Amino acid sequence: MPQLNPSPWFFIMLITWLTFSLIIQPKILSFVSTNPLSNKAPTTYNTTPWPWPWT
């Protein structure tokens, strides 16, 4: 069964991993985030517990 021979599949996996790590990933990481972080404090809401009828 040729699927059990790791020789060609290991080379394909290695080339794919190197392509992603050295070419594609830096291009993706160079994009600027469309939602920049803000210095605004998070809002907290005052909630009341639900009055369960069976307790």
PDB file of N, CA and C in Angstrom:
ATOM      1  N   MET A   1       0.844  -1.172   0.000  1.00  0.00           N
ATOM      2  CA  MET A   1       0.000   0.000   0.000  1.00  0.00           C
ATOM      3  C   MET A   1       0.899   1.249   0.000  1.00  0.00           C
ATOM      4  N   PRO A   2       0.790   2.090  -0.983  1.00  0.00           N
ATOM      5  CA  PRO A   2       1.694   3.228  -1.083  1.00  0.00           C
ATOM      6  C   PRO A   2       1.435   4.316  -0.034  1.00  0.00           C
ATOM      7  N   GLN A   3       0.272   4.305   0.594  1.00  0.00           N
ATOM      8  CA  GLN A   3      -0.015   5.327   1.586  1.00  0.00           C
ATOM      9  C   GLN A   3       0.878   5.195   2.820  1.00  0.00           C
ATOM     10  N   LEU A   4       1.425   4.007   3.032  1.00  0.00           N
ATOM     11  CA  LEU A   4       2.238   3.779   4.212  1.00  0.00           C
ATOM     12  C   LEU A   4       3.689   4.185   4.020  1.00  0.00           C
ATOM     13  N   ASN A   5       4.069   4.540   2.830  1.00  0.00           N
ATOM     14  CA  ASN A   5       5.438   4.972   2.576  1.00  0.00           C
ATOM     15  C   ASN A   5       5.553   6.460   2.927  1.00  0.00           C
ATOM     16  N   PRO A   6       6.298   6.822   3.969  1.00  0.00           N
ATOM     17  CA  PRO A   6       6.347   8.225   4.388  1.00  0.00           C
ATOM     18  C   PRO A   6       7.266   9.100   3.545  1.00  0.00           C
ATOM     19  N   SER A   7       8.017   8.496   2.670  1.00  0.00           N
ATOM     20  CA  SER A   7       9.012   9.268   1.929  1.00  0.00           C
ATOM     21  C   SER A   7       8.412  10.426   1.125  1.00  0.00           C
ATOM     22  N   PRO A   8       7.465  10.231   0.212  1.00  0.00           N
ATOM     23  CA  PRO A   8       6.973  11.400  -0.533  1.00  0.00           C
ATOM     24  C   PRO A   8       6.104  12.324   0.316  1.00  0.00           C
ATOM     25  N   TRP A   9       5.367  11.774   1.284  1.00  0.00           N
ATOM     26  CA  TRP A   9       4.455  12.593   2.072  1.00  0.00           C
ATOM     27  C   TRP A   9       5.198  13.473   3.061  1.00  0.00           C
ATOM     28  N   PHE A  10       6.304  13.001   3.575  1.00  0.00           N
ATOM     29  CA  PHE A  10       7.096  13.823   4.484  1.00  0.00           C
ATOM     30  C   PHE A  10       7.694  15.018   3.743  1.00  0.00           C
ATOM     31  N   PHE A  11       8.161  14.807   2.537  1.00  0.00           N
ATOM     32  CA  PHE A  11       8.714  15.905   1.744  1.00  0.00           C
ATOM     33  C   PHE A  11       7.633  16.935   1.412  1.00  0.00           C
ATOM     34  N   ILE A  12       6.451  16.491   1.066  1.00  0.00           N
ATOM     35  CA  ILE A  12       5.346  17.403   0.761  1.00  0.00           C
ATOM     36  C   ILE A  12       4.960  18.193   2.019  1.00  0.00           C
ATOM     37  N   MET A  13       4.888  17.526   3.158  1.00  0.00           N
ATOM     38  CA  MET A  13       4.558  18.208   4.397  1.00  0.00           C
ATOM     39  C   MET A  13       5.633  19.231   4.755  1.00  0.00           C
ATOM     40  N   LEU A  14       6.891  18.881   4.577  1.00  0.00           N
ATOM     41  CA  LEU A  14       7.986  19.785   4.900  1.00  0.00           C
ATOM     42  C   LEU A  14       7.974  21.023   4.003  1.00  0.00           C
ATOM     43  N   ILE A  15       7.757  20.836   2.721  1.00  0.00           N
ATOM     44  CA  ILE A  15       7.703  21.964   1.790  1.00  0.00           C
ATOM     45  C   ILE A  15       6.495  22.858   2.104  1.00  0.00           C
ATOM     46  N   THR A  16       5.364  22.254   2.415  1.00  0.00           N
ATOM     47  CA  THR A  16       4.173  23.029   2.759  1.00  0.00           C
ATOM     48  C   THR A  16       4.393  23.823   4.034  1.00  0.00           C
ATOM     49  N   TRP A  17       4.982  23.230   5.035  1.00  0.00           N
ATOM     50  CA  TRP A  17       5.238  23.918   6.297  1.00  0.00           C
ATOM     51  C   TRP A  17       6.220  25.064   6.101  1.00  0.00           C
ATOM     52  N   LEU A  18       7.262  24.848   5.342  1.00  0.00           N
ATOM     53  CA  LEU A  18       8.233  25.914   5.090  1.00  0.00           C
ATOM     54  C   LEU A  18       7.608  27.051   4.281  1.00  0.00           C
ATOM     55  N   THR A  19       6.785  26.707   3.309  1.00  0.00           N
ATOM     56  CA  THR A  19       6.111  27.746   2.517  1.00  0.00           C
ATOM     57  C   THR A  19       5.222  28.589   3.403  1.00  0.00           C
ATOM     58  N   PHE A  20       4.477  27.956   4.258  1.00  0.00           N
ATOM     59  CA  PHE A  20       3.601  28.704   5.151  1.00  0.00           C
ATOM     60  C   PHE A  20       4.402  29.561   6.120  1.00  0.00           C
ATOM     61  N   SER A  21       5.436  28.995   6.714  1.00  0.00           N
ATOM     62  CA  SER A  21       6.194  29.710   7.743  1.00  0.00           C
ATOM     63  C   SER A  21       7.025  30.856   7.189  1.00  0.00           C
ATOM     64  N   LEU A  22       7.583  30.691   6.018  1.00  0.00           N
ATOM     65  CA  LEU A  22       8.520  31.697   5.505  1.00  0.00           C
ATOM     66  C   LEU A  22       7.899  32.684   4.527  1.00  0.00           C
ATOM     67  N   ILE A  23       6.794  32.329   3.895  1.00  0.00           N
ATOM     68  CA  ILE A  23       6.232  33.207   2.859  1.00  0.00           C
ATOM     69  C   ILE A  23       4.853  33.713   3.254  1.00  0.00           C
ATOM     70  N   ILE A  24       3.939  32.827   3.575  1.00  0.00           N
ATOM     71  CA  ILE A  24       2.547  33.230   3.788  1.00  0.00           C
ATOM     72  C   ILE A  24       2.359  33.899   5.148  1.00  0.00           C
ATOM     73  N   GLN A  25       2.926  33.356   6.201  1.00  0.00           N
ATOM     74  CA  GLN A  25       2.699  33.888   7.535  1.00  0.00           C
ATOM     75  C   GLN A  25       3.192  35.326   7.695  1.00  0.00           C
ATOM     76  N   PRO A  26       4.380  35.708   7.249  1.00  0.00           N
ATOM     77  CA  PRO A  26       4.778  37.123   7.384  1.00  0.00           C
ATOM     78  C   PRO A  26       3.876  38.077   6.615  1.00  0.00           C
ATOM     79  N   LYS A  27       3.348  37.645   5.483  1.00  0.00           N
ATOM     80  CA  LYS A  27       2.438  38.512   4.729  1.00  0.00           C
ATOM     81  C   LYS A  27       1.135  38.718   5.486  1.00  0.00           C
ATOM     82  N   ILE A  28       0.635  37.675   6.125  1.00  0.00           N
ATOM     83  CA  ILE A  28      -0.606  37.791   6.878  1.00  0.00           C
ATOM     84  C   ILE A  28      -0.388  38.647   8.126  1.00  0.00           C
ATOM     85  N   LEU A  29       0.743  38.478   8.797  1.00  0.00           N
ATOM     86  CA  LEU A  29       0.996  39.218  10.029  1.00  0.00           C
ATOM     87  C   LEU A  29       1.321  40.685   9.776  1.00  0.00           C
ATOM     88  N   SER A  30       1.612  41.059   8.545  1.00  0.00           N
ATOM     89  CA  SER A  30       1.941  42.453   8.263  1.00  0.00           C
ATOM     90  C   SER A  30       0.706  43.333   8.148  1.00  0.00           C
ATOM     91  N   PHE A  31      -0.478  42.750   8.041  1.00  0.00           N
ATOM     92  CA  PHE A  31      -1.687  43.542   7.943  1.00  0.00           C
ATOM     93  C   PHE A  31      -1.971  44.247   9.266  1.00  0.00           C
ATOM     94  N   VAL A  32      -2.492  45.450   9.185  1.00  0.00           N
ATOM     95  CA  VAL A  32      -2.854  46.212  10.374  1.00  0.00           C
ATOM     96  C   VAL A  32      -4.246  45.778  10.808  1.00  0.00           C
ATOM     97  N   SER A  33      -4.432  45.662  12.094  1.00  0.00           N
ATOM     98  CA  SER A  33      -5.734  45.266  12.613  1.00  0.00           C
ATOM     99  C   SER A  33      -6.766  46.342  12.290  1.00  0.00           C
ATOM    100  N   THR A  34      -7.955  45.927  11.864  1.00  0.00           N
ATOM    101  CA  THR A  34      -8.998  46.891  11.517  1.00  0.00           C
ATOM    102  C   THR A  34      -9.712  47.430  12.742  1.00  0.00           C
ATOM    103  N   ASN A  35      -9.542  46.795  13.886  1.00  0.00           N
ATOM    104  CA  ASN A  35     -10.168  47.247  15.129  1.00  0.00           C
ATOM    105  C   ASN A  35      -9.073  47.546  16.143  1.00  0.00           C
ATOM    106  N   PRO A  36      -8.554  48.765  16.162  1.00  0.00           N
ATOM    107  CA  PRO A  36      -7.487  49.065  17.125  1.00  0.00           C
ATOM    108  C   PRO A  36      -8.029  49.081  18.553  1.00  0.00           C
ATOM    109  N   LEU A  37      -7.142  48.794  19.481  1.00  0.00           N
ATOM    110  CA  LEU A  37      -7.537  48.765  20.884  1.00  0.00           C
ATOM    111  C   LEU A  37      -7.851  50.175  21.367  1.00  0.00           C
ATOM    112  N   SER A  38      -8.818  50.300  22.239  1.00  0.00           N
ATOM    113  CA  SER A  38      -9.182  51.608  22.776  1.00  0.00           C
ATOM    114  C   SER A  38      -8.813  51.659  24.253  1.00  0.00           C
ATOM    115  N   ASN A  39      -8.654  52.872  24.754  1.00  0.00           N
ATOM    116  CA  ASN A  39      -8.312  53.064  26.162  1.00  0.00           C
ATOM    117  C   ASN A  39      -9.547  53.223  27.039  1.00  0.00           C
ATOM    118  N   LYS A  40     -10.712  53.031  26.474  1.00  0.00           N
ATOM    119  CA  LYS A  40     -11.951  53.184  27.219  1.00  0.00           C
ATOM    120  C   LYS A  40     -12.131  52.023  28.202  1.00  0.00           C
ATOM    121  N   ALA A  41     -12.583  52.350  29.401  1.00  0.00           N
ATOM    122  CA  ALA A  41     -12.808  51.321  30.415  1.00  0.00           C
ATOM    123  C   ALA A  41     -14.036  50.495  30.032  1.00  0.00           C
ATOM    124  N   PRO A  42     -14.020  49.208  30.307  1.00  0.00           N
ATOM    125  CA  PRO A  42     -15.198  48.386  29.988  1.00  0.00           C
ATOM    126  C   PRO A  42     -16.377  48.759  30.868  1.00  0.00           C
ATOM    127  N   THR A  43     -17.554  48.712  30.284  1.00  0.00           N
ATOM    128  CA  THR A  43     -18.755  49.066  31.047  1.00  0.00           C
ATOM    129  C   THR A  43     -19.267  47.834  31.782  1.00  0.00           C
ATOM    130  N   THR A  44     -19.674  48.040  33.027  1.00  0.00           N
ATOM    131  CA  THR A  44     -20.248  46.946  33.815  1.00  0.00           C
ATOM    132  C   THR A  44     -21.731  47.226  34.002  1.00  0.00           C
ATOM    133  N   TYR A  45     -22.509  46.179  33.921  1.00  0.00           N
ATOM    134  CA  TYR A  45     -23.949  46.306  34.026  1.00  0.00           C
ATOM    135  C   TYR A  45     -24.408  45.762  35.368  1.00  0.00           C
ATOM    136  N   ASN A  46     -25.365  46.450  35.972  1.00  0.00           N
ATOM    137  CA  ASN A  46     -25.928  46.007  37.241  1.00  0.00           C
ATOM    138  C   ASN A  46     -27.063  45.029  36.929  1.00  0.00           C
ATOM    139  N   THR A  47     -26.865  43.785  37.249  1.00  0.00           N
ATOM    140  CA  THR A  47     -27.879  42.764  36.957  1.00  0.00           C
ATOM    141  C   THR A  47     -28.506  42.278  38.257  1.00  0.00           C
ATOM    142  N   THR A  48     -29.729  41.825  38.144  1.00  0.00           N
ATOM    143  CA  THR A  48     -30.425  41.260  39.307  1.00  0.00           C
ATOM    144  C   THR A  48     -30.633  39.773  39.064  1.00  0.00           C
ATOM    145  N   PRO A  49     -30.569  38.969  40.109  1.00  0.00           N
ATOM    146  CA  PRO A  49     -30.739  37.530  39.931  1.00  0.00           C
ATOM    147  C   PRO A  49     -32.178  37.191  39.523  1.00  0.00           C
ATOM    148  N   TRP A  50     -32.325  36.101  38.826  1.00  0.00           N
ATOM    149  CA  TRP A  50     -33.617  35.635  38.373  1.00  0.00           C
ATOM    150  C   TRP A  50     -34.361  34.963  39.520  1.00  0.00           C
ATOM    151  N   PRO A  51     -35.597  35.348  39.826  1.00  0.00           N
ATOM    152  CA  PRO A  51     -36.334  34.723  40.937  1.00  0.00           C
ATOM    153  C   PRO A  51     -36.933  33.376  40.484  1.00  0.00           C
ATOM    154  N   TRP A  52     -36.229  32.301  40.720  1.00  0.00           N
ATOM    155  CA  TRP A  52     -36.722  30.992  40.306  1.00  0.00           C
ATOM    156  C   TRP A  52     -37.925  30.604  41.177  1.00  0.00           C
ATOM    157  N   PRO A  53     -39.004  30.124  40.573  1.00  0.00           N
ATOM    158  CA  PRO A  53     -40.204  29.819  41.350  1.00  0.00           C
ATOM    159  C   PRO A  53     -40.093  28.561  42.202  1.00  0.00           C
ATOM    160  N   TRP A  54     -39.152  27.665  41.936  1.00  0.00           N
ATOM    161  CA  TRP A  54     -39.102  26.405  42.670  1.00  0.00           C
ATOM    162  C   TRP A  54     -38.085  26.431  43.807  1.00  0.00           C
ATOM    163  N   THR A  55     -37.466  27.575  44.088  1.00  0.00           N
ATOM    164  CA  THR A  55     -36.491  27.593  45.204  1.00  0.00           C
ATOM    165  C   THR A  55     -37.071  28.294  46.407  1.00  0.00           C
TER     166      THR A  55
END
